[in-house]
Amino acid sequence: MDARHFKDAAYAHLAEVGKAIASPARLEILELLAQAPRTVEVLAGEVAQSVANTSHHLQVLKRAQLVTHRRDGQYVAYALAGDDVAGLLTQLHAVAAAHVAALEALTRDYFEDPAGLEPLDVTTLLARLRADEAVLVDVRPEHEFAAGHVPGAISLPLTALKQRVAELPRDRTVVAYCRGPYCTFSAEATRRLRALGFDARRTHASVHSLTRALRKRPARETSADFDAGSGTSSPTTSPASSSSVRATSSQTASKRAAAPRPSASATRNAGVAKAASKRRTKTAAPVETVARRPTKERS
């Protein structure tokens, strides 16, 4: 195969992915599957399509190897083929927002509000979380939170917000997030929380983009810095690993305690031998002109 045929074939495969996502319905389906696996019937209701149309869209995505499926009894559940597919969606959002003026205007007009519902950018959000000035609230349905969420976030579905609002702190900013930049749950949650007297903001970042941002934190920061005040334990430290660390520390302390300590006479003899050794070294090497700094012995 020559170079021309190789390039034609490679770009043809790449175009299959492009064609698979070149549909508003299929993009929305991918966004929903990025939250949690779903059956064809559930997806059809969420994207306002018939079961037949939804099944067709899923077959297109399956041929492009963007989704996988498994049979669950009488139903077939679909999921993303990998986290990189969710990353593709995030990147597509970013490129379109930066280059498609009509999309930017549409988004601004929809979320424009006299009280100000402009999203909190990720950099500012992370800074506030680390300073314990904000708490992150996941307003997606509970099954989506269970499938994956931002470490330290509190699950408070929009449908249960009024009943569970007492779980939220009033001394920090409450930041709501949902599925991504075109999900309306976070904006609605922010409106309701402000009406109840909370200092509430929203972020248009998705679970995947926020999680990636957290992974890029400086190594010297721990997940406890992020989780401070959230009432949750760090997802990066399991109870088993914590127990292992504690056990190792305990064993080390036990070994130190069990180690025999030198007697007073042995300590004095060692000091005398060391002093004699220094005198011999000094006598044997009188030509050395650089004075060495004496080493302090530990008590």
Foldseek 3Di string as FASTA:
>chain_A
DDPVVVVVVVVVLVVLQVVLCPDPLLLVVQLVLLLDKDWLVVSCVVSVHDSVVSVVSVVSCVVNVQKDWDDDVPTIIIHGNDVVSVVVSVVVVVVCCVPPVVVVVVLCVVLDDPVDQDADDLVVVQVCLLVVQEAEEEQDDPVSVVRDAAPQYHYDHLVCCVVPVVVDDQRHEYEYEYRASPDCRRSVSQVVVVVVPHNYYYHRHHRSVNNVVVVPDDPVDDQCSNNPPSPDDGPVADPVNVVVVVVVVVVVVVVVVPDDDDDPVVVVVVVVVVVVVVVVVCVVCVPDDDDDDDDDDDD
